[in-house]
């Protein structure tokens, strides 16, 4: 029987087997001496989410949520943070002592922290490749660090309209360009690639001679052809593991109440896990 002090947390999503979250959170617990904490992963889709959450007991401290649950969780929560509300997406749920369910989004501050770690505080303009859920989080981060326009490269008029809508909501001047013109995006001072693996491979040969900053949200396989070409040209590259570690660090702090969480230990654990795949 687990002791009354045992606290539980987990990542939920579908598919979930690939998730590095258990590696990162467990590394943090070990470094913080939280021997009675556990962190697992569960395959949970939108239909199963309500019953899963209702079935949790008071030993649970929090949940990490990945696709497709980031919006589906919102009606099940008692409160969400302004950050989560700004993009209608929750990736963190904390259970309070009085049983309340509080939702937050650590992807957005995680993006900002990952960029700042590489010395990126402000840019004059930016380009976003893609228009999915991660792209809306990217726009929210750019609302903080980008002084000028953001060009979104998308595959359809509908996606372009969605990105303009997010821009209006977030206070970002979003301009839309066709995906076929994606090579032009690489001239921006900051390029954020939010698309699935393989999508940006076709523009890797178009990296400019003196590139700015690339934030590629993928982490496996790594480096992507675009990130490798960017590095070869001497440009600054921020990767998906940087984002994953920074957003997980904020989750650990919220769930455990311990701060600062051990960034270096979490990053080492993530790098080792990727290298072993």
Protein backbone atom coordinates (compact mmCIF):
# COMPACT_ATOMS: atom_id res chain seq x y z
CA UNK A 1 0.00 0.00 0.00
CA UNK A 2 1.38 3.47 -0.84
CA UNK A 3 1.93 5.77 2.13
CA UNK A 4 -0.40 8.68 2.74
CA UNK A 5 2.42 10.99 1.72
CA UNK A 6 2.67 9.49 -1.79
CA UNK A 7 1.80 12.00 -4.48
CA UNK A 8 0.98 11.11 -8.06
CA UNK A 9 1.16 12.88 -11.40
CA UNK A 10 1.04 11.74 -15.02
CA UNK A 11 0.88 12.77 -18.65
CA UNK A 12 -2.27 11.96 -20.63
CA UNK A 13 -2.79 11.89 -24.37
CA UNK A 14 -3.25 9.73 -27.44
CA UNK A 15 -0.83 8.54 -28.69
CA UNK A 16 1.32 8.78 -25.56
CA UNK A 17 3.98 6.06 -25.73
CA UNK A 18 6.53 8.47 -27.23
CA UNK A 19 6.20 11.08 -24.47
CA UNK A 20 9.38 12.21 -22.70
CA UNK A 21 7.43 13.81 -19.86
CA UNK A 22 7.94 10.88 -17.44
CA UNK A 23 11.69 11.05 -18.00
CA UNK A 24 11.80 14.79 -17.29
CA UNK A 25 9.48 14.83 -14.28
CA UNK A 26 11.09 11.79 -12.65
CA UNK A 27 14.51 13.36 -13.07
CA UNK A 28 13.21 16.45 -11.30
CA UNK A 29 11.74 14.41 -8.45
CA UNK A 30 15.04 12.56 -7.99
CA UNK A 31 17.04 15.79 -7.91
CA UNK A 32 14.59 17.40 -5.47
CA UNK A 33 14.57 14.38 -3.19
CA UNK A 34 10.85 13.75 -3.72
CA UNK A 35 11.10 9.99 -3.19
CA UNK A 36 7.37 9.59 -2.55
CA UNK A 37 6.34 11.15 -5.84
CA UNK A 38 5.51 9.14 -8.96
CA UNK A 39 4.90 10.21 -12.56
CA UNK A 40 3.36 7.91 -15.21
CA UNK A 41 1.81 8.04 -18.66
CA UNK A 42 -1.70 7.00 -19.66
CA UNK A 43 -3.28 6.56 -23.08
CA UNK A 44 -6.41 8.71 -22.80
CA UNK A 45 -8.47 10.20 -25.62
CA UNK A 46 -11.12 12.90 -25.52
CA UNK A 47 -13.98 10.47 -24.88
CA UNK A 48 -12.19 8.83 -21.92
CA UNK A 49 -10.92 12.02 -20.29
CA UNK A 50 -13.96 12.91 -18.12
CA UNK A 51 -14.11 9.47 -16.48
CA UNK A 52 -10.35 9.40 -15.98
CA UNK A 53 -10.33 12.71 -14.14
CA UNK A 54 -13.40 11.84 -12.07
CA UNK A 55 -11.70 8.62 -10.98
CA UNK A 56 -8.65 10.30 -9.43
CA UNK A 57 -8.25 10.31 -5.65
CA UNK A 58 -6.65 12.86 -3.32
CA UNK A 59 -3.16 11.45 -3.88
CA UNK A 60 -3.05 13.14 -7.27
CA UNK A 61 -1.13 16.42 -7.51
CA UNK A 62 -1.42 17.16 -11.21
CA UNK A 63 -1.60 16.16 -14.85
CA UNK A 64 0.26 17.06 -18.00
CA UNK A 65 -1.92 17.06 -21.10
CA UNK A 66 -0.88 16.58 -24.70
CA UNK A 67 -2.87 16.18 -27.89
CA UNK A 68 -5.80 15.78 -28.29
CA UNK A 69 -6.72 16.86 -24.76
CA UNK A 70 -5.56 20.47 -24.48
CA UNK A 71 -8.98 21.92 -25.34
CA UNK A 72 -11.12 18.97 -24.29
CA UNK A 73 -10.03 19.39 -20.67
CA UNK A 74 -11.26 22.97 -20.28
CA UNK A 75 -14.95 22.20 -19.49
CA UNK A 76 -13.81 19.74 -16.81
CA UNK A 77 -11.85 22.33 -14.81
CA UNK A 78 -12.88 24.78 -12.10
CA UNK A 79 -10.58 27.55 -13.32
CA UNK A 80 -8.02 28.23 -16.03
CA UNK A 81 -5.26 30.80 -16.08
CA UNK A 82 -5.34 33.86 -18.34
CA UNK A 83 -2.43 32.32 -20.29
CA UNK A 84 -4.43 29.17 -21.01
CA UNK A 85 -7.54 31.18 -21.81
CA UNK A 86 -5.64 33.30 -24.33
CA UNK A 87 -5.15 30.28 -26.62
CA UNK A 88 -7.98 28.09 -25.34
CA UNK A 89 -5.50 25.32 -24.53
CA UNK A 90 -4.51 23.70 -21.23
CA UNK A 91 -1.44 21.49 -20.91
CA UNK A 92 -1.23 21.51 -17.09
CA UNK A 93 -3.79 20.64 -14.42
CA UNK A 94 -3.03 21.14 -10.74
CA UNK A 95 -5.27 19.67 -8.04
CA UNK A 96 -5.50 21.93 -5.00
CA UNK A 97 -5.83 20.88 -1.37
CA UNK A 98 -9.54 21.68 -1.41
CA UNK A 99 -10.15 19.55 -4.50
CA UNK A 100 -10.26 22.25 -7.16
CA UNK A 101 -8.90 21.63 -10.65
CA UNK A 102 -6.81 24.51 -11.98
CA UNK A 103 -5.68 24.58 -15.62
CA UNK A 104 -2.69 26.41 -17.04
CA UNK A 105 -0.61 26.55 -20.22
CA UNK A 106 3.15 26.27 -19.68
CA UNK A 107 3.92 25.95 -23.41
CA UNK A 108 3.77 29.72 -23.87
CA UNK A 109 6.10 30.77 -21.03
CA UNK A 110 8.18 27.70 -21.89
CA UNK A 111 8.73 29.05 -25.41
CA UNK A 112 9.67 32.47 -24.07
CA UNK A 113 12.08 30.95 -21.52
CA UNK A 114 13.71 28.71 -24.14
CA UNK A 115 14.35 31.72 -26.39
CA UNK A 116 15.61 33.88 -23.54
CA UNK A 117 18.02 31.14 -22.54
CA UNK A 118 19.62 31.67 -25.97
CA UNK A 119 19.71 35.41 -25.51
CA UNK A 120 16.56 36.21 -27.52
CA UNK A 121 14.68 38.95 -25.67
CA UNK A 122 13.10 40.93 -28.52
CA UNK A 123 12.82 40.64 -32.30
CA UNK A 124 11.48 43.11 -34.84
CA UNK A 125 9.52 40.55 -36.86
CA UNK A 126 9.02 36.80 -37.12
CA UNK A 127 7.70 33.98 -39.28
CA UNK A 128 5.64 30.99 -38.17
CA UNK A 129 5.55 27.82 -40.25
CA UNK A 130 2.23 26.06 -39.69
CA UNK A 131 -1.14 26.94 -38.20
CA UNK A 132 -2.04 24.28 -35.64
CA UNK A 133 -2.32 24.38 -31.86
CA UNK A 134 1.42 24.91 -31.40
CA UNK A 135 1.30 27.83 -33.82
CA UNK A 136 -1.28 29.61 -31.66
CA UNK A 137 1.00 29.16 -28.64
CA UNK A 138 3.84 30.55 -30.73
CA UNK A 139 1.76 33.64 -31.50
CA UNK A 140 1.08 34.11 -27.79
CA UNK A 141 4.82 33.95 -27.10
CA UNK A 142 5.48 36.38 -29.96
CA UNK A 143 2.99 38.80 -28.41
CA UNK A 144 5.61 39.21 -25.69
CA UNK A 145 8.87 39.21 -27.64
CA UNK A 146 8.05 40.42 -31.17
CA UNK A 147 7.77 44.17 -31.73
CA UNK A 148 6.49 43.99 -35.31
CA UNK A 149 4.54 41.80 -37.74
CA UNK A 150 4.42 38.01 -37.81
CA UNK A 151 3.98 36.20 -41.12
CA UNK A 152 2.23 32.83 -40.92
CA UNK A 153 2.91 30.37 -43.74
CA UNK A 154 -0.14 28.15 -44.17
CA UNK A 155 -1.64 25.63 -46.59
CA UNK A 156 -5.21 26.92 -46.82
CA UNK A 157 -7.28 30.09 -46.65
CA UNK A 158 -9.15 28.66 -43.64
CA UNK A 159 -5.92 28.18 -41.72
CA UNK A 160 -4.87 31.69 -42.64
CA UNK A 161 -8.13 33.09 -41.32
CA UNK A 162 -7.61 31.16 -38.07
CA UNK A 163 -4.13 32.61 -37.62
CA UNK A 164 -5.40 36.14 -38.29
CA UNK A 165 -8.10 35.52 -35.70
CA UNK A 166 -5.57 34.40 -33.12
CA UNK A 167 -3.48 37.44 -33.96
CA UNK A 168 -6.36 39.81 -33.30
CA UNK A 169 -7.13 38.07 -30.04
CA UNK A 170 -3.50 38.12 -28.89
CA UNK A 171 -2.60 41.59 -30.15
CA UNK A 172 -0.22 40.35 -32.84
CA UNK A 173 -0.07 41.81 -36.36
CA UNK A 174 -0.42 38.53 -38.32
CA UNK A 175 0.09 38.47 -42.05
CA UNK A 176 -0.56 35.33 -44.06
CA UNK A 177 1.48 33.78 -46.87
CA UNK A 178 1.07 30.59 -48.87
CA UNK A 179 3.02 27.55 -47.72
CA UNK A 180 4.55 27.28 -51.20
CA UNK A 181 6.46 30.49 -50.43
CA UNK A 182 7.96 29.00 -47.27
CA UNK A 183 11.55 29.58 -48.35
CA UNK A 184 10.91 33.32 -47.89
CA UNK A 185 10.11 32.68 -44.24
CA UNK A 186 13.72 31.78 -43.56
CA UNK A 187 14.78 35.39 -44.08
CA UNK A 188 12.95 36.48 -40.91
CA UNK A 189 14.96 37.37 -37.79
CA UNK A 190 13.07 34.60 -35.92
CA UNK A 191 11.51 31.56 -37.56
CA UNK A 192 9.28 29.24 -35.51
CA UNK A 193 8.62 25.88 -37.18
CA UNK A 194 5.53 24.25 -35.63
CA UNK A 195 4.84 21.52 -38.20
CA UNK A 196 5.15 17.70 -38.00
CA UNK A 197 8.34 15.81 -38.84
CA UNK A 198 9.34 16.01 -42.50
CA UNK A 199 7.18 19.02 -43.33
CA UNK A 200 10.01 21.56 -43.48
CA UNK A 201 12.61 19.26 -45.08
CA UNK A 202 11.91 20.77 -48.51
CA UNK A 203 13.14 24.24 -47.44
CA UNK A 204 16.32 23.08 -45.67
CA UNK A 205 18.34 23.86 -48.80
CA UNK A 206 17.03 27.45 -48.75
CA UNK A 207 18.57 28.54 -45.44
CA UNK A 208 20.11 31.98 -46.07
CA UNK A 209 23.82 32.64 -45.86
CA UNK A 210 23.50 34.58 -42.59
CA UNK A 211 20.42 33.17 -40.82
CA UNK A 212 18.82 34.57 -37.68
CA UNK A 213 17.17 32.35 -35.07
CA UNK A 214 15.31 29.12 -35.72
CA UNK A 215 12.96 27.64 -33.14
CA UNK A 216 12.06 24.14 -34.37
CA UNK A 217 9.56 22.57 -31.95
CA UNK A 218 10.45 18.99 -32.92
CA UNK A 219 12.83 16.94 -30.76
CA UNK A 220 12.76 13.44 -32.23
CA UNK A 221 14.35 12.84 -34.64
CA UNK A 222 16.88 15.58 -33.98
CA UNK A 223 18.33 17.54 -35.59
CA UNK A 224 15.77 18.00 -38.32
CA UNK A 225 17.22 18.67 -41.78
CA UNK A 226 16.20 22.33 -41.38
CA UNK A 227 17.88 22.63 -37.97
CA UNK A 228 21.03 20.92 -39.25
CA UNK A 229 21.25 23.25 -42.25
CA UNK A 230 20.60 26.25 -40.02
CA UNK A 231 23.41 25.29 -37.65
CA UNK A 232 25.77 24.65 -40.57
CA UNK A 233 25.19 28.25 -41.67
CA UNK A 234 26.05 29.52 -38.20
CA UNK A 235 22.52 30.39 -37.12
CA UNK A 236 21.10 30.03 -33.60
CA UNK A 237 18.85 26.99 -33.17
CA UNK A 238 16.38 26.42 -30.35
CA UNK A 239 14.96 22.90 -30.38
CA UNK A 240 11.91 21.03 -29.23
CA UNK A 241 13.75 19.57 -26.25
CA UNK A 242 14.44 23.12 -25.04
CA UNK A 243 10.70 23.81 -25.15
CA UNK A 244 9.81 20.47 -23.59
CA UNK A 245 12.20 20.96 -20.68
CA UNK A 246 11.15 24.54 -19.95
CA UNK A 247 7.42 23.79 -20.03
CA UNK A 248 7.96 20.68 -17.87
CA UNK A 249 10.05 22.68 -15.41
CA UNK A 250 7.10 25.02 -14.85
CA UNK A 251 4.78 22.04 -14.43
CA UNK A 252 7.06 20.51 -11.78
CA UNK A 253 7.12 23.79 -9.87
CA UNK A 254 3.33 24.14 -9.96
CA UNK A 255 2.59 20.53 -9.03
CA UNK A 256 5.20 20.13 -6.28
CA UNK A 257 5.38 23.67 -4.93
CA UNK A 258 9.18 23.42 -5.14
CA UNK A 259 11.12 26.12 -6.95
CA UNK A 260 13.40 26.34 -8.80
CA UNK A 261 13.01 23.00 -10.52
CA UNK A 262 16.32 21.44 -11.66
CA UNK A 263 16.63 22.55 -15.29
CA UNK A 264 20.07 21.00 -15.91
CA UNK A 265 19.10 17.58 -14.52
CA UNK A 266 15.90 17.52 -16.55
CA UNK A 267 17.73 18.46 -19.75
CA UNK A 268 20.40 15.78 -19.20
CA UNK A 269 17.70 13.16 -18.68
CA UNK A 270 15.89 14.24 -21.85
CA UNK A 271 19.07 14.22 -23.94
CA UNK A 272 19.97 10.73 -22.69
CA UNK A 273 16.50 9.41 -23.45
CA UNK A 274 16.56 10.76 -27.00
CA UNK A 275 20.06 9.41 -27.59
CA UNK A 276 18.95 5.93 -26.52
CA UNK A 277 16.04 5.78 -28.98
